[in-house]
Amino acid sequence: MKTNNANTTTEARNNEVNYEISRFALNVGIVMAALIGIWGAACLISGLTANGVGGTVTAYLGAVLGM
Protein backbone atom coordinates (compact mmCIF):
# COMPACT_ATOMS: atom_id res chain seq x y z
CA MET A 1 0.00 0.00 0.00
CA LYS A 2 1.40 3.38 -1.00
CA THR A 3 1.10 6.46 1.19
CA ASN A 4 0.78 9.94 -0.14
CA ASN A 5 4.04 11.78 0.61
CA ALA A 6 2.47 15.15 -0.24
CA ASN A 7 0.11 14.90 2.75
CA THR A 8 2.93 13.87 5.05
CA THR A 9 5.06 16.78 3.89
CA THR A 10 2.18 19.24 4.32
CA GLU A 11 1.49 17.97 7.82
CA ALA A 12 5.16 18.26 8.72
CA ARG A 13 5.24 21.86 7.46
CA ASN A 14 2.06 22.69 9.38
CA ASN A 15 3.53 21.22 12.55
CA GLU A 16 6.72 23.21 12.05
CA VAL A 17 4.78 26.45 11.47
CA ASN A 18 2.59 25.82 14.53
CA TYR A 19 5.70 25.16 16.61
CA GLU A 20 7.35 28.40 15.47
CA ILE A 21 4.20 30.43 16.14
CA SER A 22 3.92 28.95 19.64
CA ARG A 23 7.59 29.60 20.30
CA PHE A 24 7.25 33.22 19.15
CA ALA A 25 4.16 33.77 21.32
CA LEU A 26 5.94 32.29 24.34
CA ASN A 27 8.96 34.53 23.78
CA VAL A 28 6.71 37.60 23.52
CA GLY A 29 5.07 36.62 26.80
CA ILE A 30 8.42 36.17 28.51
CA VAL A 31 9.66 39.56 27.31
CA MET A 32 6.44 41.28 28.44
CA ALA A 33 6.66 39.64 31.87
CA ALA A 34 10.28 40.79 32.21
CA LEU A 35 9.38 44.36 31.24
CA ILE A 36 6.51 44.44 33.74
CA GLY A 37 8.81 43.09 36.46
CA ILE A 38 11.45 45.71 35.72
CA TRP A 39 8.81 48.45 35.75
CA GLY A 40 7.49 47.21 39.11
CA ALA A 41 10.97 47.14 40.60
CA ALA A 42 11.64 50.67 39.33
CA CYS A 43 8.40 51.90 40.91
CA LEU A 44 9.23 50.22 44.21
CA ILE A 45 12.70 51.76 44.28
CA SER A 46 11.21 55.15 43.43
CA GLY A 47 8.71 54.86 46.28
CA LEU A 48 11.42 53.83 48.70
CA THR A 49 13.65 56.75 47.76
CA ALA A 50 10.81 59.27 47.96
CA ASN A 51 9.14 58.07 51.18
CA GLY A 52 11.62 55.80 52.93
CA VAL A 53 10.82 52.30 54.14
CA GLY A 54 8.33 53.36 56.82
CA GLY A 55 6.39 55.68 54.54
CA THR A 56 6.25 53.10 51.75
CA VAL A 57 5.00 50.35 54.09
CA THR A 58 2.40 52.70 55.60
CA ALA A 59 1.19 53.78 52.15
CA TYR A 60 1.05 50.17 50.94
CA LEU A 61 -0.96 49.01 53.92
CA GLY A 62 -3.27 52.01 53.56
CA ALA A 63 -3.87 51.14 49.91
CA VAL A 64 -4.47 47.43 50.59
CA LEU A 65 -6.67 47.92 53.67
CA GLY A 66 -8.49 50.98 52.34
CA MET A 67 -7.50 53.30 55.16
PDB file of N, CA and C in Angstrom:
ATOM      1  N   MET A   1       0.840  -1.171   0.000  1.00  0.00           N
ATOM      2  CA  MET A   1       0.000   0.000   0.000  1.00  0.00           C
ATOM      3  C   MET A   1       0.891   1.242   0.000  1.00  0.00           C
ATOM      4  N   LYS A   2       0.631   2.147  -0.901  1.00  0.00           N
ATOM      5  CA  LYS A   2       1.403   3.384  -0.998  1.00  0.00           C
ATOM      6  C   LYS A   2       0.766   4.472  -0.147  1.00  0.00           C
ATOM      7  N   THR A   3       1.604   5.288   0.460  1.00  0.00           N
ATOM      8  CA  THR A   3       1.102   6.458   1.188  1.00  0.00           C
ATOM      9  C   THR A   3       1.393   7.698   0.364  1.00  0.00           C
ATOM     10  N   ASN A   4       0.619   8.697   0.598  1.00  0.00           N
ATOM     11  CA  ASN A   4       0.783   9.943  -0.136  1.00  0.00           C
ATOM     12  C   ASN A   4       1.803  10.811   0.586  1.00  0.00           C
ATOM     13  N   ASN A   5       2.972  10.991  -0.009  1.00  0.00           N
ATOM     14  CA  ASN A   5       4.037  11.778   0.606  1.00  0.00           C
ATOM     15  C   ASN A   5       3.700  13.265   0.657  1.00  0.00           C
ATOM     16  N   ALA A   6       2.837  13.733  -0.233  1.00  0.00           N
ATOM     17  CA  ALA A   6       2.467  15.147  -0.240  1.00  0.00           C
ATOM     18  C   ALA A   6       1.726  15.510   1.040  1.00  0.00           C
ATOM     19  N   ASN A   7       0.831  14.636   1.500  1.00  0.00           N
ATOM     20  CA  ASN A   7       0.107  14.903   2.753  1.00  0.00           C
ATOM     21  C   ASN A   7       1.045  14.881   3.948  1.00  0.00           C
ATOM     22  N   THR A   8       1.975  13.956   3.949  1.00  0.00           N
ATOM     23  CA  THR A   8       2.930  13.871   5.049  1.00  0.00           C
ATOM     24  C   THR A   8       3.803  15.118   5.096  1.00  0.00           C
ATOM     25  N   THR A   9       4.235  15.588   3.950  1.00  0.00           N
ATOM     26  CA  THR A   9       5.065  16.783   3.888  1.00  0.00           C
ATOM     27  C   THR A   9       4.279  18.011   4.329  1.00  0.00           C
ATOM     28  N   THR A  10       3.025  18.115   3.919  1.00  0.00           N
ATOM     29  CA  THR A  10       2.182  19.241   4.315  1.00  0.00           C
ATOM     30  C   THR A  10       1.940  19.234   5.819  1.00  0.00           C
ATOM     31  N   GLU A  11       1.691  18.066   6.371  1.00  0.00           N
ATOM     32  CA  GLU A  11       1.487  17.970   7.821  1.00  0.00           C
ATOM     33  C   GLU A  11       2.755  18.344   8.575  1.00  0.00           C
ATOM     34  N   ALA A  12       3.890  17.921   8.069  1.00  0.00           N
ATOM     35  CA  ALA A  12       5.156  18.257   8.720  1.00  0.00           C
ATOM     36  C   ALA A  12       5.388  19.766   8.683  1.00  0.00           C
ATOM     37  N   ARG A  13       5.090  20.401   7.558  1.00  0.00           N
ATOM     38  CA  ARG A  13       5.239  21.860   7.461  1.00  0.00           C
ATOM     39  C   ARG A  13       4.281  22.567   8.411  1.00  0.00           C
ATOM     40  N   ASN A  14       3.039  22.079   8.479  1.00  0.00           N
ATOM     41  CA  ASN A  14       2.056  22.689   9.384  1.00  0.00           C
ATOM     42  C   ASN A  14       2.509  22.560  10.834  1.00  0.00           C
ATOM     43  N   ASN A  15       3.043  21.408  11.190  1.00  0.00           N
ATOM     44  CA  ASN A  15       3.532  21.221  12.554  1.00  0.00           C
ATOM     45  C   ASN A  15       4.698  22.149  12.848  1.00  0.00           C
ATOM     46  N   GLU A  16       5.577  22.325  11.867  1.00  0.00           N
ATOM     47  CA  GLU A  16       6.715  23.213  12.054  1.00  0.00           C
ATOM     48  C   GLU A  16       6.269  24.668  12.200  1.00  0.00           C
ATOM     49  N   VAL A  17       5.299  25.083  11.387  1.00  0.00           N
ATOM     50  CA  VAL A  17       4.784  26.453  11.471  1.00  0.00           C
ATOM     51  C   VAL A  17       4.081  26.666  12.810  1.00  0.00           C
ATOM     52  N   ASN A  18       3.278  25.709  13.233  1.00  0.00           N
ATOM     53  CA  ASN A  18       2.594  25.822  14.529  1.00  0.00           C
ATOM     54  C   ASN A  18       3.597  25.904  15.674  1.00  0.00           C
ATOM     55  N   TYR A  19       4.661  25.123  15.576  1.00  0.00           N
ATOM     56  CA  TYR A  19       5.699  25.162  16.609  1.00  0.00           C
ATOM     57  C   TYR A  19       6.361  26.533  16.659  1.00  0.00           C
ATOM     58  N   GLU A  20       6.693  27.087  15.515  1.00  0.00           N
ATOM     59  CA  GLU A  20       7.351  28.398  15.468  1.00  0.00           C
ATOM     60  C   GLU A  20       6.431  29.506  15.980  1.00  0.00           C
ATOM     61  N   ILE A  21       5.155  29.426  15.652  1.00  0.00           N
ATOM     62  CA  ILE A  21       4.202  30.427  16.143  1.00  0.00           C
ATOM     63  C   ILE A  21       4.086  30.339  17.659  1.00  0.00           C
ATOM     64  N   SER A  22       4.007  29.132  18.191  1.00  0.00           N
ATOM     65  CA  SER A  22       3.919  28.953  19.640  1.00  0.00           C
ATOM     66  C   SER A  22       5.187  29.451  20.327  1.00  0.00           C
ATOM     67  N   ARG A  23       6.320  29.155  19.720  1.00  0.00           N
ATOM     68  CA  ARG A  23       7.591  29.600  20.295  1.00  0.00           C
ATOM     69  C   ARG A  23       7.678  31.125  20.303  1.00  0.00           C
ATOM     70  N   PHE A  24       7.241  31.764  19.225  1.00  0.00           N
ATOM     71  CA  PHE A  24       7.250  33.222  19.151  1.00  0.00           C
ATOM     72  C   PHE A  24       6.323  33.819  20.209  1.00  0.00           C
ATOM     73  N   ALA A  25       5.121  33.261  20.339  1.00  0.00           N
ATOM     74  CA  ALA A  25       4.163  33.768  21.322  1.00  0.00           C
ATOM     75  C   ALA A  25       4.705  33.611  22.741  1.00  0.00           C
ATOM     76  N   LEU A  26       5.357  32.496  23.023  1.00  0.00           N
ATOM     77  CA  LEU A  26       5.940  32.286  24.337  1.00  0.00           C
ATOM     78  C   LEU A  26       7.048  33.300  24.606  1.00  0.00           C
ATOM     79  N   ASN A  27       7.890  33.547  23.614  1.00  0.00           N
ATOM     80  CA  ASN A  27       8.962  34.531  23.781  1.00  0.00           C
ATOM     81  C   ASN A  27       8.409  35.934  24.005  1.00  0.00           C
ATOM     82  N   VAL A  28       7.344  36.295  23.302  1.00  0.00           N
ATOM     83  CA  VAL A  28       6.714  37.603  23.519  1.00  0.00           C
ATOM     84  C   VAL A  28       6.188  37.691  24.947  1.00  0.00           C
ATOM     85  N   GLY A  29       5.572  36.637  25.429  1.00  0.00           N
ATOM     86  CA  GLY A  29       5.067  36.623  26.802  1.00  0.00           C
ATOM     87  C   GLY A  29       6.179  36.758  27.824  1.00  0.00           C
ATOM     88  N   ILE A  30       7.283  36.085  27.590  1.00  0.00           N
ATOM     89  CA  ILE A  30       8.418  36.166  28.512  1.00  0.00           C
ATOM     90  C   ILE A  30       8.989  37.584  28.540  1.00  0.00           C
ATOM     91  N   VAL A  31       9.128  38.191  27.377  1.00  0.00           N
ATOM     92  CA  VAL A  31       9.660  39.561  27.308  1.00  0.00           C
ATOM     93  C   VAL A  31       8.717  40.536  28.007  1.00  0.00           C
ATOM     94  N   MET A  32       7.415  40.383  27.784  1.00  0.00           N
ATOM     95  CA  MET A  32       6.445  41.278  28.437  1.00  0.00           C
ATOM     96  C   MET A  32       6.480  41.109  29.955  1.00  0.00           C
ATOM     97  N   ALA A  33       6.581  39.879  30.431  1.00  0.00           N
ATOM     98  CA  ALA A  33       6.664  39.643  31.873  1.00  0.00           C
ATOM     99  C   ALA A  33       7.925  40.276  32.457  1.00  0.00           C
ATOM    100  N   ALA A  34       9.035  40.182  31.737  1.00  0.00           N
ATOM    101  CA  ALA A  34      10.279  40.789  32.210  1.00  0.00           C
ATOM    102  C   ALA A  34      10.160  42.307  32.263  1.00  0.00           C
ATOM    103  N   LEU A  35       9.560  42.903  31.243  1.00  0.00           N
ATOM    104  CA  LEU A  35       9.384  44.364  31.238  1.00  0.00           C
ATOM    105  C   LEU A  35       8.478  44.821  32.379  1.00  0.00           C
ATOM    106  N   ILE A  36       7.415  44.090  32.637  1.00  0.00           N
ATOM    107  CA  ILE A  36       6.512  44.441  33.737  1.00  0.00           C
ATOM    108  C   ILE A  36       7.233  44.305  35.074  1.00  0.00           C
ATOM    109  N   GLY A  37       8.041  43.267  35.223  1.00  0.00           N
ATOM    110  CA  GLY A  37       8.809  43.092  36.455  1.00  0.00           C
ATOM    111  C   GLY A  37       9.815  44.207  36.673  1.00  0.00           C
ATOM    112  N   ILE A  38      10.486  44.605  35.618  1.00  0.00           N
ATOM    113  CA  ILE A  38      11.454  45.707  35.715  1.00  0.00           C
ATOM    114  C   ILE A  38      10.747  47.008  36.071  1.00  0.00           C
ATOM    115  N   TRP A  39       9.577  47.240  35.460  1.00  0.00           N
ATOM    116  CA  TRP A  39       8.814  48.449  35.754  1.00  0.00           C
ATOM    117  C   TRP A  39       8.362  48.453  37.221  1.00  0.00           C
ATOM    118  N   GLY A  40       7.906  47.313  37.704  1.00  0.00           N
ATOM    119  CA  GLY A  40       7.485  47.211  39.108  1.00  0.00           C
ATOM    120  C   GLY A  40       8.635  47.469  40.064  1.00  0.00           C
ATOM    121  N   ALA A  41       9.796  46.915  39.753  1.00  0.00           N
ATOM    122  CA  ALA A  41      10.968  47.144  40.601  1.00  0.00           C
ATOM    123  C   ALA A  41      11.373  48.608  40.589  1.00  0.00           C
ATOM    124  N   ALA A  42      11.300  49.245  39.421  1.00  0.00           N
ATOM    125  CA  ALA A  42      11.641  50.667  39.332  1.00  0.00           C
ATOM    126  C   ALA A  42      10.668  51.509  40.156  1.00  0.00           C
ATOM    127  N   CYS A  43       9.392  51.160  40.113  1.00  0.00           N
ATOM    128  CA  CYS A  43       8.397  51.899  40.906  1.00  0.00           C
ATOM    129  C   CYS A  43       8.618  51.699  42.402  1.00  0.00           C
ATOM    130  N   LEU A  44       8.963  50.485  42.801  1.00  0.00           N
ATOM    131  CA  LEU A  44       9.226  50.219  44.212  1.00  0.00           C
ATOM    132  C   LEU A  44      10.448  50.994  44.695  1.00  0.00           C
ATOM    133  N   ILE A  45      11.496  51.007  43.908  1.00  0.00           N
ATOM    134  CA  ILE A  45      12.698  51.761  44.275  1.00  0.00           C
ATOM    135  C   ILE A  45      12.401  53.252  44.342  1.00  0.00           C
ATOM    136  N   SER A  46      11.592  53.740  43.415  1.00  0.00           N
ATOM    137  CA  SER A  46      11.207  55.151  43.430  1.00  0.00           C
ATOM    138  C   SER A  46      10.420  55.489  44.688  1.00  0.00           C
ATOM    139  N   GLY A  47       9.492  54.630  45.061  1.00  0.00           N
ATOM    140  CA  GLY A  47       8.715  54.860  46.283  1.00  0.00           C
ATOM    141  C   GLY A  47       9.581  54.827  47.523  1.00  0.00           C
ATOM    142  N   LEU A  48      10.527  53.911  47.545  1.00  0.00           N
ATOM    143  CA  LEU A  48      11.423  53.830  48.695  1.00  0.00           C
ATOM    144  C   LEU A  48      12.319  55.058  48.812  1.00  0.00           C
ATOM    145  N   THR A  49      12.787  55.571  47.693  1.00  0.00           N
ATOM    146  CA  THR A  49      13.654  56.748  47.759  1.00  0.00           C
ATOM    147  C   THR A  49      12.863  57.999  48.105  1.00  0.00           C
ATOM    148  N   ALA A  50      11.612  58.078  47.686  1.00  0.00           N
ATOM    149  CA  ALA A  50      10.814  59.274  47.957  1.00  0.00           C
ATOM    150  C   ALA A  50      10.258  59.287  49.384  1.00  0.00           C
ATOM    151  N   ASN A  51       9.845  58.122  49.899  1.00  0.00           N
ATOM    152  CA  ASN A  51       9.144  58.074  51.183  1.00  0.00           C
ATOM    153  C   ASN A  51       9.899  57.342  52.277  1.00  0.00           C
ATOM    154  N   GLY A  52      10.929  56.620  51.948  1.00  0.00           N
ATOM    155  CA  GLY A  52      11.616  55.799  52.932  1.00  0.00           C
ATOM    156  C   GLY A  52      10.844  54.503  53.149  1.00  0.00           C
ATOM    157  N   VAL A  53      11.432  53.614  53.921  1.00  0.00           N
ATOM    158  CA  VAL A  53      10.822  52.299  54.141  1.00  0.00           C
ATOM    159  C   VAL A  53       9.519  52.430  54.920  1.00  0.00           C
ATOM    160  N   GLY A  54       9.531  53.208  55.991  1.00  0.00           N
ATOM    161  CA  GLY A  54       8.331  53.361  56.818  1.00  0.00           C
ATOM    162  C   GLY A  54       7.170  53.979  56.058  1.00  0.00           C
ATOM    163  N   GLY A  55       7.440  55.022  55.312  1.00  0.00           N
ATOM    164  CA  GLY A  55       6.389  55.677  54.537  1.00  0.00           C
ATOM    165  C   GLY A  55       5.833  54.787  53.447  1.00  0.00           C
ATOM    166  N   THR A  56       6.701  54.003  52.811  1.00  0.00           N
ATOM    167  CA  THR A  56       6.252  53.098  51.753  1.00  0.00           C
ATOM    168  C   THR A  56       5.385  51.989  52.328  1.00  0.00           C
ATOM    169  N   VAL A  57       5.791  51.420  53.460  1.00  0.00           N
ATOM    170  CA  VAL A  57       4.995  50.354  54.091  1.00  0.00           C
ATOM    171  C   VAL A  57       3.656  50.903  54.553  1.00  0.00           C
ATOM    172  N   THR A  58       3.653  52.076  55.147  1.00  0.00           N
ATOM    173  CA  THR A  58       2.399  52.697  55.595  1.00  0.00           C
ATOM    174  C   THR A  58       1.480  52.967  54.416  1.00  0.00           C
ATOM    175  N   ALA A  59       1.998  53.495  53.336  1.00  0.00           N
ATOM    176  CA  ALA A  59       1.189  53.780  52.154  1.00  0.00           C
ATOM    177  C   ALA A  59       0.665  52.508  51.531  1.00  0.00           C
ATOM    178  N   TYR A  60       1.484  51.460  51.499  1.00  0.00           N
ATOM    179  CA  TYR A  60       1.053  50.174  50.937  1.00  0.00           C
ATOM    180  C   TYR A  60      -0.080  49.578  51.760  1.00  0.00           C
ATOM    181  N   LEU A  61       0.088  49.550  53.064  1.00  0.00           N
ATOM    182  CA  LEU A  61      -0.964  49.005  53.919  1.00  0.00           C
ATOM    183  C   LEU A  61      -2.240  49.842  53.826  1.00  0.00           C
ATOM    184  N   GLY A  62      -2.099  51.142  53.731  1.00  0.00           N
ATOM    185  CA  GLY A  62      -3.268  52.006  53.562  1.00  0.00           C
ATOM    186  C   GLY A  62      -3.991  51.715  52.259  1.00  0.00           C
ATOM    187  N   ALA A  63      -3.256  51.441  51.193  1.00  0.00           N
ATOM    188  CA  ALA A  63      -3.873  51.144  49.912  1.00  0.00           C
ATOM    189  C   ALA A  63      -4.543  49.771  49.932  1.00  0.00           C
ATOM    190  N   VAL A  64      -3.917  48.779  50.560  1.00  0.00           N
ATOM    191  CA  VAL A  64      -4.475  47.432  50.589  1.00  0.00           C
ATOM    192  C   VAL A  64      -5.694  47.368  51.520  1.00  0.00           C
ATOM    193  N   LEU A  65      -5.598  47.998  52.684  1.00  0.00           N
ATOM    194  CA  LEU A  65      -6.671  47.921  53.669  1.00  0.00           C
ATOM    195  C   LEU A  65      -7.734  48.982  53.481  1.00  0.00           C
ATOM    196  N   GLY A  66      -7.500  49.955  52.607  1.00  0.00           N
ATOM    197  CA  GLY A  66      -8.485  50.984  52.344  1.00  0.00           C
ATOM    198  C   GLY A  66      -8.574  52.054  53.411  1.00  0.00           C
ATOM    199  N   MET A  67      -7.500  52.294  54.096  1.00  0.00           N
ATOM    200  CA  MET A  67      -7.495  53.296  55.160  1.00  0.00           C
ATOM    201  C   MET A  67      -7.135  54.656  54.640  1.00  0.00           C
TER     202      MET A  67
END
